[in-house]
Amino acid sequence: MEEIEGVVTSKGQLVIPSKLRQRYNISAGTRVRFVAIENGIGVYPKYADSIDSARGILAGLGLPPDIERDAERDIA
């Protein structure tokens, strides 16, 4: 297992080394989750849920006008 060091700032922010950011596609705004593991802390990128990332992809694609217009209606 490769070990790479990061730095914690005086404000408690963690600097993730660029090699790891590139490898795991972590960029500004990427959310991470911290998991307590046996001998330390695991840090994992948290990618958007597929359902959340798909929200709104059909907007404006020819749906019946009353459905697009009435977005707040209850669907039973």
Protein backbone atom coordinates (compact mmCIF):
# COMPACT_ATOMS: atom_id res chain seq x y z
CA MET A 1 0.00 0.00 0.00
CA GLU A 2 1.39 3.38 -1.03
CA GLU A 3 1.67 6.01 1.69
CA ILE A 4 1.40 9.69 0.84
CA GLU A 5 1.34 12.46 3.43
CA GLY A 6 -1.05 15.39 3.51
CA VAL A 7 -1.15 18.47 5.72
CA VAL A 8 -3.76 19.69 8.19
CA THR A 9 -3.93 23.50 8.35
CA SER A 10 -4.40 25.61 11.48
CA LYS A 11 -8.11 25.77 10.59
CA GLY A 12 -8.37 21.97 10.55
CA GLN A 13 -8.54 21.74 6.75
CA LEU A 14 -6.91 18.75 5.10
CA VAL A 15 -4.71 19.22 2.04
CA ILE A 16 -5.02 16.16 -0.22
CA PRO A 17 -1.88 15.64 -2.32
CA SER A 18 -2.34 16.28 -6.05
CA LYS A 19 -1.34 12.71 -6.95
CA LEU A 20 -4.32 11.39 -4.98
CA ARG A 21 -6.69 14.12 -6.23
CA GLN A 22 -5.87 13.15 -9.82
CA ARG A 23 -6.11 9.40 -9.17
CA TYR A 24 -9.52 9.67 -7.52
CA ASN A 25 -10.91 12.53 -9.60
CA ILE A 26 -11.19 14.90 -6.64
CA SER A 27 -11.53 18.57 -7.53
CA ALA A 28 -12.73 21.74 -5.83
CA GLY A 29 -16.18 21.13 -4.40
CA THR A 30 -15.90 17.32 -4.26
CA ARG A 31 -17.46 16.14 -1.01
CA VAL A 32 -15.59 13.58 1.04
CA ARG A 33 -16.64 11.32 3.87
CA PHE A 34 -14.56 10.42 6.89
CA VAL A 35 -14.85 6.92 8.32
CA ALA A 36 -13.36 5.81 11.62
CA ILE A 37 -11.39 2.62 10.94
CA GLU A 38 -9.46 0.37 13.30
CA ASN A 39 -6.21 2.31 13.38
CA GLY A 40 -7.13 5.72 12.02
CA ILE A 41 -9.43 7.59 9.66
CA GLY A 42 -10.45 6.64 6.12
CA VAL A 43 -11.15 9.53 3.73
CA TYR A 44 -13.30 8.71 0.70
CA PRO A 45 -14.64 10.87 -2.14
CA LYS A 46 -18.42 11.01 -2.09
CA TYR A 47 -19.74 11.02 -5.64
CA ALA A 48 -23.27 12.20 -6.44
CA ASP A 49 -25.99 9.59 -6.19
CA SER A 50 -27.13 8.51 -9.61
CA ILE A 51 -30.71 9.55 -8.82
CA ASP A 52 -29.67 13.04 -7.69
CA SER A 53 -27.36 13.52 -10.66
CA ALA A 54 -30.19 12.60 -13.07
CA ARG A 55 -32.59 15.18 -11.63
CA GLY A 56 -33.93 17.49 -14.31
CA ILE A 57 -32.38 15.78 -17.35
CA LEU A 58 -35.76 15.46 -19.07
CA ALA A 59 -36.81 19.09 -18.55
CA GLY A 60 -37.96 20.68 -21.77
CA LEU A 61 -37.88 17.51 -23.87
CA GLY A 62 -41.44 17.59 -25.11
CA LEU A 63 -43.32 16.51 -22.01
CA PRO A 64 -46.98 17.48 -21.95
CA PRO A 65 -47.18 21.21 -21.10
CA ASP A 66 -49.42 20.67 -18.06
CA ILE A 67 -46.80 18.41 -16.44
CA GLU A 68 -43.96 20.89 -16.93
CA ARG A 69 -46.11 23.82 -15.85
CA ASP A 70 -47.41 22.13 -12.66
CA ALA A 71 -44.19 20.85 -11.09
CA GLU A 72 -45.57 21.15 -7.54
CA ARG A 73 -48.61 18.89 -8.05
CA ASP A 74 -49.01 15.66 -6.08
CA ILE A 75 -48.51 12.46 -8.01
CA ALA A 76 -50.63 9.63 -6.63
